[in-house]
Amino acid sequence: MVDDAAANGGKIAFTVRARKGSFKHDAGRRADSPGVRRNVVQRRDGTEERAYADNRGGPGSGEEGFDGAEFKALVDAAGGDVAAAVQKWLVDTGKIEPGTPIVGLEIRAWKPGD
C-alpha cells in the first residue's frame, strides 16, 4: 500500500494504538494532531487510538495526508518496517515517549481527487 501510494501520487494517514500514558499530549490537543478531527478511542485495556495525517496547510485546508513518496522514504529508512517508521516519526515529532510499543497500527492510502 505504501509503495502504491508513493508510485501514484497518493497520500497516507495512520491510526496508532499504544498505552494511554505514552502519549505526550492530551487527546485532541492541536499539539498532538493539528487539523485532524477524529475522536480518540479509549480502550478498557489502558490503550488508546489516535489518528494522524500531516496537515501542512492548517485546519480545513484540504491538504491532509502525508505525501506517499515522503512516507515511503520514512519506511525505507526503517528497513521497510512500517511500524518502526511510524514509531520513529511519533518520537521525532514529540508525540510519544521513546520506546513505546505500538500495539495496533492502521494505514490508509488514497489518491487526492478520488
C-alpha atoms as a PDB file:
ATOM      1  CA  MET A   1       0.000   0.000   0.000  1.00  0.00           C
ATOM      2  CA  VAL A   2       2.810   2.407   0.867  1.00  0.00           C
ATOM      3  CA  ASP A   3       4.624   1.586  -2.384  1.00  0.00           C
ATOM      4  CA  ASP A   4       1.435   2.110  -4.396  1.00  0.00           C
ATOM      5  CA  ALA A   5       0.734   5.462  -2.728  1.00  0.00           C
ATOM      6  CA  ALA A   6       4.288   6.608  -3.453  1.00  0.00           C
ATOM      7  CA  ALA A   7       4.172   5.455  -7.087  1.00  0.00           C
ATOM      8  CA  ASN A   8       0.783   7.020  -7.808  1.00  0.00           C
ATOM      9  CA  GLY A   9       0.939  10.420  -6.103  1.00  0.00           C
ATOM     10  CA  GLY A  10      -1.103   9.169  -3.169  1.00  0.00           C
ATOM     11  CA  LYS A  11      -1.490  10.278   0.408  1.00  0.00           C
ATOM     12  CA  ILE A  12      -1.068   8.306   3.639  1.00  0.00           C
ATOM     13  CA  ALA A  13      -2.685   8.636   7.058  1.00  0.00           C
ATOM     14  CA  PHE A  14      -2.485   6.281  10.005  1.00  0.00           C
ATOM     15  CA  THR A  15      -4.062   5.372  13.320  1.00  0.00           C
ATOM     16  CA  VAL A  16      -1.817   4.247  16.167  1.00  0.00           C
ATOM     17  CA  ARG A  17      -2.818   2.266  19.234  1.00  0.00           C
ATOM     18  CA  ALA A  18      -0.498   2.496  22.248  1.00  0.00           C
ATOM     19  CA  ARG A  19      -0.580   2.656  26.044  1.00  0.00           C
ATOM     20  CA  LYS A  20      -2.530   5.752  27.078  1.00  0.00           C
ATOM     21  CA  GLY A  21       0.177   7.223  29.318  1.00  0.00           C
ATOM     22  CA  SER A  22       2.740   7.015  26.498  1.00  0.00           C
ATOM     23  CA  PHE A  23       1.334   9.932  24.520  1.00  0.00           C
ATOM     24  CA  LYS A  24       2.936  13.269  25.429  1.00  0.00           C
ATOM     25  CA  HIS A  25      -0.152  15.397  24.744  1.00  0.00           C
ATOM     26  CA  ASP A  26      -3.702  15.102  25.962  1.00  0.00           C
ATOM     27  CA  ALA A  27      -6.069  13.585  23.443  1.00  0.00           C
ATOM     28  CA  GLY A  28      -7.480  16.064  20.943  1.00  0.00           C
ATOM     29  CA  ARG A  29      -4.880  18.804  21.532  1.00  0.00           C
ATOM     30  CA  ARG A  30      -3.639  20.667  18.468  1.00  0.00           C
ATOM     31  CA  ALA A  31      -0.066  19.870  19.537  1.00  0.00           C
ATOM     32  CA  ASP A  32      -0.864  16.202  19.012  1.00  0.00           C
ATOM     33  CA  SER A  33      -2.791  16.134  15.742  1.00  0.00           C
ATOM     34  CA  PRO A  34      -3.475  19.574  14.289  1.00  0.00           C
ATOM     35  CA  GLY A  35      -6.288  19.678  11.794  1.00  0.00           C
ATOM     36  CA  VAL A  36      -7.365  16.080  12.363  1.00  0.00           C
ATOM     37  CA  ARG A  37     -10.897  15.998  13.706  1.00  0.00           C
ATOM     38  CA  ARG A  38     -11.235  12.380  14.718  1.00  0.00           C
ATOM     39  CA  ASN A  39     -12.212  11.074  18.109  1.00  0.00           C
ATOM     40  CA  VAL A  40      -9.586   9.370  20.225  1.00  0.00           C
ATOM     41  CA  VAL A  41     -10.713   5.866  21.100  1.00  0.00           C
ATOM     42  CA  GLN A  42     -10.101   4.940  24.734  1.00  0.00           C
ATOM     43  CA  ARG A  43      -9.772   1.205  25.366  1.00  0.00           C
ATOM     44  CA  ARG A  44     -10.546  -0.732  28.529  1.00  0.00           C
ATOM     45  CA  ASP A  45      -7.071  -2.277  28.410  1.00  0.00           C
ATOM     46  CA  GLY A  46      -5.380   1.089  29.079  1.00  0.00           C
ATOM     47  CA  THR A  47      -4.559   1.839  25.446  1.00  0.00           C
ATOM     48  CA  GLU A  48      -5.974   4.424  23.102  1.00  0.00           C
ATOM     49  CA  GLU A  49      -6.040   5.039  19.381  1.00  0.00           C
ATOM     50  CA  ARG A  50      -5.015   8.298  17.752  1.00  0.00           C
ATOM     51  CA  ALA A  51      -5.252   9.266  14.090  1.00  0.00           C
ATOM     52  CA  TYR A  52      -2.509  11.210  12.324  1.00  0.00           C
ATOM     53  CA  ALA A  53      -2.304  12.860   8.927  1.00  0.00           C
ATOM     54  CA  ASP A  54       0.200  15.567   8.093  1.00  0.00           C
ATOM     55  CA  ASN A  55      -1.623  18.858   7.570  1.00  0.00           C
ATOM     56  CA  ARG A  56       0.720  21.429   6.090  1.00  0.00           C
ATOM     57  CA  GLY A  57      -1.990  23.869   5.092  1.00  0.00           C
ATOM     58  CA  GLY A  58      -3.640  24.074   8.508  1.00  0.00           C
ATOM     59  CA  PRO A  59      -7.110  23.041   9.640  1.00  0.00           C
ATOM     60  CA  GLY A  60      -9.658  22.928   6.853  1.00  0.00           C
ATOM     61  CA  SER A  61      -7.071  23.357   4.099  1.00  0.00           C
ATOM     62  CA  GLY A  62      -7.833  20.048   2.432  1.00  0.00           C
ATOM     63  CA  GLU A  63      -4.099  19.264   2.437  1.00  0.00           C
ATOM     64  CA  GLU A  64      -4.409  16.393   4.906  1.00  0.00           C
ATOM     65  CA  GLY A  65      -2.318  13.288   4.412  1.00  0.00           C
ATOM     66  CA  PHE A  66       1.379  12.541   4.261  1.00  0.00           C
ATOM     67  CA  ASP A  67       2.857  12.623   0.788  1.00  0.00           C
ATOM     68  CA  GLY A  68       3.125   8.967  -0.284  1.00  0.00           C
ATOM     69  CA  ALA A  69       6.709   9.304  -1.549  1.00  0.00           C
ATOM     70  CA  GLU A  70       7.841  11.070   1.638  1.00  0.00           C
ATOM     71  CA  PHE A  71       6.153   8.443   3.794  1.00  0.00           C
ATOM     72  CA  LYS A  72       7.772   5.664   1.740  1.00  0.00           C
ATOM     73  CA  ALA A  73      11.170   7.289   2.381  1.00  0.00           C
ATOM     74  CA  LEU A  74      10.483   7.072   6.136  1.00  0.00           C
ATOM     75  CA  VAL A  75       9.591   3.390   5.759  1.00  0.00           C
ATOM     76  CA  ASP A  76      12.638   2.693   3.580  1.00  0.00           C
ATOM     77  CA  ALA A  77      14.879   4.377   6.195  1.00  0.00           C
ATOM     78  CA  ALA A  78      13.387   1.975   8.773  1.00  0.00           C
ATOM     79  CA  GLY A  79      14.387  -1.044   6.665  1.00  0.00           C
ATOM     80  CA  GLY A  80      10.871  -1.463   5.279  1.00  0.00           C
ATOM     81  CA  ASP A  81       9.267  -1.723   8.730  1.00  0.00           C
ATOM     82  CA  VAL A  82       6.159   0.490   8.639  1.00  0.00           C
ATOM     83  CA  ALA A  83       5.556   0.263  12.405  1.00  0.00           C
ATOM     84  CA  ALA A  84       9.163   1.265  13.140  1.00  0.00           C
ATOM     85  CA  ALA A  85       8.867   4.215  10.735  1.00  0.00           C
ATOM     86  CA  VAL A  86       5.644   5.391  12.393  1.00  0.00           C
ATOM     87  CA  GLN A  87       7.136   4.977  15.866  1.00  0.00           C
ATOM     88  CA  LYS A  88      10.226   6.990  14.873  1.00  0.00           C
ATOM     89  CA  TRP A  89       8.018   9.752  13.427  1.00  0.00           C
ATOM     90  CA  LEU A  90       5.948   9.838  16.635  1.00  0.00           C
ATOM     91  CA  VAL A  91       9.096  10.104  18.771  1.00  0.00           C
ATOM     92  CA  ASP A  92      10.799  12.634  16.468  1.00  0.00           C
ATOM     93  CA  THR A  93       7.720  14.884  16.459  1.00  0.00           C
ATOM     94  CA  GLY A  94       7.351  14.692  20.252  1.00  0.00           C
ATOM     95  CA  LYS A  95       4.028  12.877  20.249  1.00  0.00           C
ATOM     96  CA  ILE A  96       5.003   9.701  22.098  1.00  0.00           C
ATOM     97  CA  GLU A  97       7.605   8.557  24.621  1.00  0.00           C
ATOM     98  CA  PRO A  98      10.664   6.780  23.148  1.00  0.00           C
ATOM     99  CA  GLY A  99      10.480   3.003  23.385  1.00  0.00           C
ATOM    100  CA  THR A 100       6.687   2.927  23.478  1.00  0.00           C
ATOM    101  CA  PRO A 101       5.372  -0.256  21.888  1.00  0.00           C
ATOM    102  CA  ILE A 102       2.764   0.254  19.196  1.00  0.00           C
ATOM    103  CA  VAL A 103       0.091  -2.370  19.820  1.00  0.00           C
ATOM    104  CA  GLY A 104      -2.021  -1.541  16.767  1.00  0.00           C
ATOM    105  CA  LEU A 105      -1.467   0.287  13.503  1.00  0.00           C
ATOM    106  CA  GLU A 106      -3.861   1.068  10.651  1.00  0.00           C
ATOM    107  CA  ILE A 107      -2.519   2.638   7.469  1.00  0.00           C
ATOM    108  CA  ARG A 108      -4.842   4.357   4.989  1.00  0.00           C
ATOM    109  CA  ALA A 109      -3.899   5.439   1.487  1.00  0.00           C
ATOM    110  CA  TRP A 110      -5.773   7.383  -1.170  1.00  0.00           C
ATOM    111  CA  LYS A 111      -5.161   9.430  -4.249  1.00  0.00           C
ATOM    112  CA  PRO A 112      -6.352  13.040  -3.976  1.00  0.00           C
ATOM    113  CA  GLY A 113      -9.406  13.640  -6.085  1.00  0.00           C
ATOM    114  CA  ASP A 114     -10.543  10.000  -5.888  1.00  0.00           C
END
